[in-house]
Structures are given as structure tokens and as C-alpha cells.
Amino acid sequence: LVCSLLLLYLITVGNAIAFSTVSQLGFILAAPEVGGFYALTHGLVKSSLFLIAGTLPNRNLQELKNQPMNTAIWIPLVMASFSISGFPLLSGFGAKVLTMKNLLSWQVIAMNIAALGTATTFAKFIFLPHNKSGKSKAKKGFIPAVCLLLVGLLIANGVYYQAYTFNNIIKPLITIFLGWLTYVLILQSKVIKLPRAAEKFEHLIGVMSLMLILLFWLLIGNQASLS
């Protein structure tokens, strides 16, 4: 939850994606029994986002606001951001609904706040300017690779088709809308630059390793209590 809220103030695309990976582990730790599906969805999203990050004309979000990207890059960026925010029709929606159904009542409150933070964070990508003639550093194999990952998000959406009820659909839509509203009205012009060291691979792996140790500890504890 703390990491998710910190994301609101990150300035580089790489930092945002890296710290988001750490924050999303909170959903897996809260409901480890459905963590596999959530991890699959998150892996598809983050693979897409890291591919897209390498094609952007600039990694600095402040610069991207004044330097429109190519629309062909913006569309997959928006789809991946929608999925991680829990938008229906993408597997991030089903993964979040399934996770929420396996939480305790007090955990649901915390995860709803975290979901709002995620929607607010990724609003910064959705509202970036774009046009057909915008700049791009995309290489030849980028489009097939990112399309394959995005198709995976659409197909994985069918894993938990039972999520598509009125109540389940309206709740994330309201959360996403509130996240966008928070970003546009409050945070769009307020960005704090954090050290680039935070997005280094070895630092990220260190934090993720600690989270995985905690995850295994929880699983072992649950098995011991059941036996």
C-alpha cells in the first residue's frame, strides 16, 4: 500500500514500473491462494510496459507531456495501464476481483485504497499526449511482441469470467474514475524526482526476494494451521 501511494510522485517511467512491481506483490501476499493468476496477469502487463518504456522518446514524464509520442506506442501503453488498474475486458479486472473475494474484511479496505493509488498512478500514462507523427524508438520486432502480450491479457480475461456481474464491474470503474480525477485535479502538476538508483535491477530483485520469502512463510504457516 505504501509503495502504491509513493508511485504517485515518481518522475521516470522506469521508476514507476519498477516500484509498481513491488507494490503489486501486496495483492499476492494478501491472497496467496489466487496469487498465481494475479502474478500471470501482472507479468503480462509489466512485460508490455518494459517493452514500451524502451520505445518512448523520453523516460522523463515531464518531458513526455511536452513531447507527444506515437499513437502506435500510446495504445498498448493505455491497454497495459487499464489492465493493471482493473479495467473490465482485460485480465487485470478478473485478477483483482478474485483477489478481493479471498480477503478478510479489513484487508478489503486497504486493498481498495491501494487500487485507487494504482489507478491514480497509471493515469499519468493514459493522459500523455500522442499523435500519428509522434516520436518513437520502436524497433522492428516491437509491434508483434507487444501485441502478443496484449492478446494474452485479453485471453487470460476468460480465466475468471464469473467476475462479470454488475456490482463487480461498477466498482472498479468508479475506482478508476476517482483515480483519474485525483491525478488530473491534484497530482498532474506535482511531481517529485526520486533517485534513478531506485529502479536498478539488483535493488528491485532484493526487495522482491524479501517479499517472496514472506509469501512462502505465509503459505507454510497456513498449511501448518490446517494440519
Protein backbone atom coordinates (compact mmCIF):
# COMPACT_ATOMS: atom_id res chain seq x y z
CA LEU A 1 0.00 0.00 0.00
CA VAL A 2 2.79 2.41 0.93
CA CYS A 3 4.67 1.63 -2.30
CA SER A 4 1.49 2.12 -4.33
CA LEU A 5 0.97 5.59 -2.87
CA LEU A 6 4.63 6.51 -3.36
CA LEU A 7 4.23 5.82 -7.06
CA LEU A 8 2.12 8.96 -7.37
CA TYR A 9 5.27 11.07 -7.11
CA LEU A 10 7.77 9.16 -9.26
CA ILE A 11 9.07 11.04 -12.27
CA THR A 12 10.72 8.48 -14.55
CA VAL A 13 8.84 5.77 -16.41
CA GLY A 14 11.35 3.13 -15.30
CA ASN A 15 10.93 4.04 -11.63
CA ALA A 16 7.15 3.88 -11.88
CA ILE A 17 7.16 0.44 -13.48
CA ALA A 18 9.80 -0.94 -11.11
CA PHE A 19 8.15 0.27 -7.91
CA SER A 20 4.75 -0.84 -9.17
CA THR A 21 6.07 -4.40 -9.35
CA VAL A 22 6.94 -4.21 -5.66
CA SER A 23 3.59 -2.67 -4.71
CA GLN A 24 1.56 -5.26 -6.62
CA LEU A 25 3.18 -8.03 -4.58
CA GLY A 26 0.93 -6.81 -1.78
CA PHE A 27 -2.10 -8.22 -3.60
CA ILE A 28 -0.38 -11.61 -3.95
CA LEU A 29 0.69 -11.68 -0.30
CA ALA A 30 -2.83 -10.77 0.84
CA ALA A 31 -4.41 -13.68 -1.06
CA PRO A 32 -1.66 -16.23 -1.88
CA GLU A 33 -4.21 -18.91 -2.87
CA VAL A 34 -5.04 -16.92 -6.04
CA GLY A 35 -1.58 -15.39 -6.39
CA GLY A 36 -0.73 -17.48 -9.45
CA PHE A 37 -3.43 -15.88 -11.60
CA TYR A 38 -2.58 -12.42 -10.33
CA ALA A 39 1.13 -13.00 -10.99
CA LEU A 40 0.37 -14.17 -14.55
CA THR A 41 -1.67 -11.06 -15.27
CA HIS A 42 0.90 -8.77 -13.68
CA GLY A 43 3.72 -10.43 -15.61
CA LEU A 44 1.97 -9.83 -18.94
CA VAL A 45 1.32 -6.20 -18.05
CA LYS A 46 4.84 -5.47 -16.84
CA SER A 47 6.46 -7.22 -19.81
CA SER A 48 4.40 -4.95 -22.06
CA LEU A 49 5.27 -1.83 -20.07
CA PHE A 50 9.01 -2.54 -20.04
CA LEU A 51 8.93 -3.08 -23.81
CA ILE A 52 7.04 0.17 -24.27
CA ALA A 53 9.40 2.10 -21.97
CA GLY A 54 12.26 1.38 -24.36
CA THR A 55 10.37 2.91 -27.28
CA LEU A 56 9.36 6.19 -25.65
CA PRO A 57 11.00 9.38 -26.96
CA ASN A 58 11.97 10.27 -23.39
CA ARG A 59 11.89 8.50 -20.00
CA ASN A 60 11.11 11.69 -18.09
CA LEU A 61 7.35 12.09 -17.66
CA GLN A 62 7.60 15.87 -17.54
CA GLU A 63 9.32 15.83 -20.93
CA LEU A 64 6.76 13.39 -22.35
CA LYS A 65 3.99 15.86 -21.53
CA ASN A 66 5.61 18.29 -23.97
CA GLN A 67 6.84 15.72 -26.50
CA PRO A 68 3.93 13.68 -27.97
CA MET A 69 4.62 10.00 -28.51
CA ASN A 70 3.49 7.98 -31.50
CA THR A 71 -0.12 6.78 -31.20
CA ALA A 72 1.01 3.23 -32.04
CA ILE A 73 3.02 3.30 -28.79
CA TRP A 74 0.33 5.08 -26.76
CA ILE A 75 -2.40 2.48 -27.48
CA PRO A 76 -0.55 -0.53 -25.93
CA LEU A 77 0.60 1.75 -23.08
CA VAL A 78 -3.04 2.57 -22.34
CA MET A 79 -4.17 -1.07 -22.60
CA ALA A 80 -1.50 -2.22 -20.15
CA SER A 81 -2.34 0.67 -17.79
CA PHE A 82 -6.04 -0.20 -18.00
CA SER A 83 -5.34 -3.83 -17.12
CA ILE A 84 -3.23 -3.11 -14.06
CA SER A 85 -5.89 -0.62 -12.92
CA GLY A 86 -8.54 -3.37 -13.09
CA PHE A 87 -10.48 -2.24 -16.15
CA PRO A 88 -13.06 -4.81 -17.42
CA LEU A 89 -12.29 -6.88 -20.58
CA LEU A 90 -8.64 -7.24 -19.54
CA SER A 91 -7.34 -9.92 -17.18
CA GLY A 92 -6.32 -7.41 -14.53
CA PHE A 93 -10.01 -6.96 -13.83
CA GLY A 94 -10.66 -10.63 -13.07
CA ALA A 95 -7.44 -10.96 -11.09
CA LYS A 96 -8.36 -8.07 -8.80
CA VAL A 97 -11.96 -9.25 -8.33
CA LEU A 98 -10.82 -12.79 -7.49
CA THR A 99 -8.23 -11.46 -5.07
CA MET A 100 -10.77 -9.23 -3.32
CA LYS A 101 -13.09 -12.20 -2.84
CA ASN A 102 -10.36 -14.02 -0.91
CA LEU A 103 -9.57 -11.23 1.52
CA LEU A 104 -10.69 -10.53 5.07
CA SER A 105 -12.98 -7.52 5.53
CA TRP A 106 -10.22 -5.31 6.95
CA GLN A 107 -7.91 -6.27 4.09
CA VAL A 108 -10.52 -5.26 1.52
CA ILE A 109 -10.42 -1.67 2.78
CA ALA A 110 -6.63 -1.49 2.48
CA MET A 111 -6.64 -3.09 -0.97
CA ASN A 112 -9.34 -0.71 -2.23
CA ILE A 113 -7.12 2.20 -1.19
CA ALA A 114 -4.18 0.53 -2.95
CA ALA A 115 -6.33 0.01 -6.07
CA LEU A 116 -7.16 3.72 -6.04
CA GLY A 117 -3.46 4.50 -5.77
CA THR A 118 -2.71 2.22 -8.73
CA ALA A 119 -5.41 3.85 -10.88
CA THR A 120 -4.08 7.30 -9.99
CA THR A 121 -0.50 6.27 -10.73
CA PHE A 122 -1.18 4.87 -14.17
CA ALA A 123 -3.40 7.79 -15.11
CA LYS A 124 -0.16 9.67 -15.77
CA PHE A 125 0.49 7.35 -18.74
CA ILE A 126 -3.07 7.45 -20.07
CA PHE A 127 -3.18 11.26 -20.23
CA LEU A 128 0.12 11.67 -22.06
CA PRO A 129 -0.15 13.48 -25.44
CA HIS A 130 0.17 11.48 -28.65
CA ASN A 131 -0.31 11.73 -32.41
CA LYS A 132 0.36 9.66 -35.52
CA SER A 133 3.56 11.53 -36.29
CA GLY A 134 4.87 11.42 -32.72
CA LYS A 135 8.39 10.25 -31.94
CA SER A 136 9.19 6.63 -31.23
CA LYS A 137 12.28 4.46 -30.71
CA ALA A 138 10.44 1.24 -31.53
CA LYS A 139 12.48 -1.46 -33.23
CA LYS A 140 11.26 -3.81 -35.93
CA GLY A 141 10.01 -6.58 -33.63
CA PHE A 142 8.29 -4.33 -31.11
CA ILE A 143 4.75 -4.41 -32.52
CA PRO A 144 4.48 -8.25 -32.81
CA ALA A 145 5.97 -8.72 -29.34
CA VAL A 146 3.73 -6.23 -27.54
CA CYS A 147 0.66 -7.42 -29.49
CA LEU A 148 1.33 -10.99 -28.32
CA LEU A 149 1.45 -9.84 -24.69
CA LEU A 150 -1.71 -7.75 -25.01
CA VAL A 151 -3.58 -10.63 -26.66
CA GLY A 152 -2.51 -12.70 -23.66
CA LEU A 153 -4.22 -10.15 -21.40
CA LEU A 154 -7.41 -10.48 -23.41
CA ILE A 155 -7.34 -14.30 -23.44
CA ALA A 156 -6.46 -14.59 -19.73
CA ASN A 157 -9.50 -12.43 -19.08
CA GLY A 158 -11.61 -15.55 -19.62
CA VAL A 159 -9.99 -17.44 -16.73
CA TYR A 160 -12.43 -15.93 -14.26
CA TYR A 161 -15.43 -14.99 -16.40
CA GLN A 162 -17.66 -15.25 -13.31
CA ALA A 163 -16.31 -11.83 -12.33
CA TYR A 164 -18.63 -10.17 -14.82
CA THR A 165 -21.52 -9.13 -12.62
CA PHE A 166 -22.93 -5.62 -12.36
CA ASN A 167 -21.51 -4.99 -8.88
CA ASN A 168 -18.07 -6.31 -9.81
CA ILE A 169 -17.94 -4.14 -12.95
CA ILE A 170 -19.19 -0.87 -11.50
CA LYS A 171 -16.84 -0.87 -8.50
CA PRO A 172 -13.51 -0.83 -10.42
CA LEU A 173 -14.93 1.66 -12.92
CA ILE A 174 -15.72 4.06 -10.06
CA THR A 175 -12.26 3.44 -8.56
CA ILE A 176 -10.54 4.15 -11.88
CA PHE A 177 -12.61 7.30 -12.42
CA LEU A 178 -11.72 8.58 -8.95
CA GLY A 179 -8.06 7.77 -9.62
CA TRP A 180 -8.11 9.76 -12.85
CA LEU A 181 -9.91 12.63 -11.12
CA THR A 182 -7.31 12.67 -8.34
CA TYR A 183 -4.49 12.75 -10.86
CA VAL A 184 -5.97 15.47 -13.08
CA LEU A 185 -7.12 17.79 -10.29
CA ILE A 186 -4.34 17.32 -7.74
CA LEU A 187 -1.25 15.45 -8.92
CA GLN A 188 -0.82 16.24 -12.60
CA SER A 189 1.36 19.28 -11.95
CA LYS A 190 3.04 17.96 -8.79
CA VAL A 191 5.94 15.62 -9.44
CA ILE A 192 8.88 14.87 -7.15
CA LYS A 193 12.04 13.45 -8.66
CA LEU A 194 13.43 10.36 -6.91
CA PRO A 195 16.92 8.88 -7.43
CA ARG A 196 17.35 6.71 -10.52
CA ALA A 197 19.10 4.16 -8.28
CA ALA A 198 15.66 3.04 -7.12
CA GLU A 199 14.93 1.41 -10.46
CA LYS A 200 18.17 -0.58 -10.67
CA PHE A 201 17.52 -4.24 -11.34
CA GLU A 202 19.51 -5.54 -8.39
CA HIS A 203 17.66 -3.27 -5.94
CA LEU A 204 14.29 -4.35 -7.28
CA ILE A 205 15.24 -8.03 -7.11
CA GLY A 206 16.36 -7.59 -3.50
CA VAL A 207 13.00 -6.21 -2.40
CA MET A 208 11.09 -8.79 -4.43
CA SER A 209 13.15 -11.59 -2.85
CA LEU A 210 12.15 -10.40 0.61
CA MET A 211 8.50 -10.33 -0.46
CA LEU A 212 8.75 -13.87 -1.86
CA ILE A 213 10.30 -15.11 1.39
CA LEU A 214 7.37 -13.57 3.25
CA LEU A 215 4.94 -15.19 0.79
CA PHE A 216 6.42 -18.67 1.33
CA TRP A 217 6.41 -18.10 5.08
CA LEU A 218 2.68 -17.29 4.94
CA LEU A 219 1.95 -20.37 2.83
CA ILE A 220 3.86 -22.65 5.19
CA GLY A 221 2.08 -21.07 8.16
CA ASN A 222 -1.33 -21.64 6.54
CA GLN A 223 -0.52 -25.28 5.76
CA ALA A 224 0.67 -25.87 9.34
CA SER A 225 -2.51 -24.40 10.81
CA LEU A 226 -4.71 -26.54 8.53
CA SER A 227 -2.89 -29.73 9.51
